[in-house]
């Protein structure tokens, strides 16, 4: 009988900014998010789930299959 092989299936996670989706294999860590933000030219940002719930640094790493939405942060102007 032939030997059966199995690949490690990796669930894709997503980082979204301004409608653009970057797929990441497996869990999402802070470095992944910062890289996507940097490549998009974003210096300051906040993070949310698809449902709009805030994501904090203590939430990382996020499990496989997660989706992170990057929201550019513009500090309020002082008059």
C-alpha atoms as a PDB file:
ATOM      1  CA  UNK A   1       0.000   0.000   0.000  1.00  0.00           C
ATOM      2  CA  UNK A   2       1.195   3.522  -0.786  1.00  0.00           C
ATOM      3  CA  UNK A   3       2.143   5.908   1.972  1.00  0.00           C
ATOM      4  CA  UNK A   4      -0.237   8.837   2.410  1.00  0.00           C
ATOM      5  CA  UNK A   5       1.288  12.307   2.783  1.00  0.00           C
ATOM      6  CA  UNK A   6      -0.411  15.376   4.140  1.00  0.00           C
ATOM      7  CA  UNK A   7       0.540  19.025   3.835  1.00  0.00           C
ATOM      8  CA  UNK A   8       0.219  21.399   6.729  1.00  0.00           C
ATOM      9  CA  UNK A   9      -2.815  23.439   5.857  1.00  0.00           C
ATOM     10  CA  UNK A  10      -2.363  27.081   6.725  1.00  0.00           C
ATOM     11  CA  UNK A  11      -5.342  29.337   7.152  1.00  0.00           C
ATOM     12  CA  UNK A  12      -4.820  32.703   5.512  1.00  0.00           C
ATOM     13  CA  UNK A  13      -5.208  35.867   7.583  1.00  0.00           C
ATOM     14  CA  UNK A  14      -5.851  39.311   6.097  1.00  0.00           C
ATOM     15  CA  UNK A  15      -4.631  42.842   6.712  1.00  0.00           C
ATOM     16  CA  UNK A  16      -6.834  45.449   5.033  1.00  0.00           C
ATOM     17  CA  UNK A  17      -6.054  49.103   4.356  1.00  0.00           C
ATOM     18  CA  UNK A  18      -8.174  51.367   2.194  1.00  0.00           C
ATOM     19  CA  UNK A  19      -9.739  48.438   0.354  1.00  0.00           C
ATOM     20  CA  UNK A  20      -6.413  46.739  -0.369  1.00  0.00           C
ATOM     21  CA  UNK A  21      -6.008  43.248   1.090  1.00  0.00           C
ATOM     22  CA  UNK A  22      -2.672  41.702   2.052  1.00  0.00           C
ATOM     23  CA  UNK A  23      -2.839  38.002   2.822  1.00  0.00           C
ATOM     24  CA  UNK A  24      -0.618  36.489   5.487  1.00  0.00           C
ATOM     25  CA  UNK A  25      -0.158  32.767   6.000  1.00  0.00           C
ATOM     26  CA  UNK A  26      -1.038  31.789   9.547  1.00  0.00           C
ATOM     27  CA  UNK A  27      -1.303  34.084  12.533  1.00  0.00           C
ATOM     28  CA  UNK A  28      -0.825  37.856  12.371  1.00  0.00           C
ATOM     29  CA  UNK A  29       1.819  39.550  14.488  1.00  0.00           C
ATOM     30  CA  UNK A  30       2.625  43.220  15.036  1.00  0.00           C
ATOM     31  CA  UNK A  31       5.572  43.068  12.623  1.00  0.00           C
ATOM     32  CA  UNK A  32       3.264  41.931   9.808  1.00  0.00           C
ATOM     33  CA  UNK A  33       0.879  44.840  10.398  1.00  0.00           C
ATOM     34  CA  UNK A  34       3.687  47.411  10.634  1.00  0.00           C
ATOM     35  CA  UNK A  35       5.164  46.131   7.365  1.00  0.00           C
ATOM     36  CA  UNK A  36       1.834  46.508   5.531  1.00  0.00           C
ATOM     37  CA  UNK A  37       1.348  49.996   6.992  1.00  0.00           C
ATOM     38  CA  UNK A  38       4.888  51.042   6.074  1.00  0.00           C
ATOM     39  CA  UNK A  39       4.511  49.781   2.496  1.00  0.00           C
ATOM     40  CA  UNK A  40       1.280  51.825   2.242  1.00  0.00           C
ATOM     41  CA  UNK A  41       3.104  54.954   3.456  1.00  0.00           C
ATOM     42  CA  UNK A  42       1.234  55.098   6.777  1.00  0.00           C
ATOM     43  CA  UNK A  43       3.166  56.407   9.774  1.00  0.00           C
ATOM     44  CA  UNK A  44       0.502  56.369  12.492  1.00  0.00           C
ATOM     45  CA  UNK A  45      -2.519  54.100  12.612  1.00  0.00           C
ATOM     46  CA  UNK A  46      -5.051  52.297  14.755  1.00  0.00           C
ATOM     47  CA  UNK A  47      -6.266  48.744  14.255  1.00  0.00           C
ATOM     48  CA  UNK A  48      -9.746  47.262  14.201  1.00  0.00           C
ATOM     49  CA  UNK A  49     -11.430  43.946  13.539  1.00  0.00           C
ATOM     50  CA  UNK A  50     -13.805  43.600  10.597  1.00  0.00           C
ATOM     51  CA  UNK A  51     -16.607  44.405  13.046  1.00  0.00           C
ATOM     52  CA  UNK A  52     -14.974  47.679  14.114  1.00  0.00           C
ATOM     53  CA  UNK A  53     -13.745  46.459  17.497  1.00  0.00           C
ATOM     54  CA  UNK A  54     -10.377  47.947  18.514  1.00  0.00           C
ATOM     55  CA  UNK A  55      -7.266  45.764  18.453  1.00  0.00           C
ATOM     56  CA  UNK A  56      -4.514  46.481  20.989  1.00  0.00           C
ATOM     57  CA  UNK A  57      -0.872  45.405  21.035  1.00  0.00           C
ATOM     58  CA  UNK A  58      -1.672  42.985  23.870  1.00  0.00           C
ATOM     59  CA  UNK A  59      -4.046  41.112  21.487  1.00  0.00           C
ATOM     60  CA  UNK A  60      -1.146  39.881  19.317  1.00  0.00           C
ATOM     61  CA  UNK A  61      -0.459  37.444  17.873  1.00  0.00           C
ATOM     62  CA  UNK A  62      -3.898  37.067  16.321  1.00  0.00           C
ATOM     63  CA  UNK A  63      -4.919  33.536  15.315  1.00  0.00           C
ATOM     64  CA  UNK A  64      -4.936  32.219  11.755  1.00  0.00           C
ATOM     65  CA  UNK A  65      -7.975  33.358   9.811  1.00  0.00           C
ATOM     66  CA  UNK A  66      -8.108  36.747  11.525  1.00  0.00           C
ATOM     67  CA  UNK A  67      -8.700  40.003   9.687  1.00  0.00           C
ATOM     68  CA  UNK A  68      -7.110  43.298  10.754  1.00  0.00           C
ATOM     69  CA  UNK A  69      -8.213  46.659   9.381  1.00  0.00           C
ATOM     70  CA  UNK A  70      -5.664  49.482   9.443  1.00  0.00           C
ATOM     71  CA  UNK A  71      -7.125  52.947  10.039  1.00  0.00           C
ATOM     72  CA  UNK A  72      -4.774  55.852   9.401  1.00  0.00           C
ATOM     73  CA  UNK A  73      -4.511  58.094  12.466  1.00  0.00           C
ATOM     74  CA  UNK A  74      -4.572  61.844  11.979  1.00  0.00           C
ATOM     75  CA  UNK A  75      -4.125  63.706  15.233  1.00  0.00           C
ATOM     76  CA  UNK A  76      -6.639  66.491  15.843  1.00  0.00           C
ATOM     77  CA  UNK A  77      -5.285  69.904  14.997  1.00  0.00           C
ATOM     78  CA  UNK A  78      -4.913  72.323  17.859  1.00  0.00           C
ATOM     79  CA  UNK A  79      -6.362  75.759  17.135  1.00  0.00           C
END
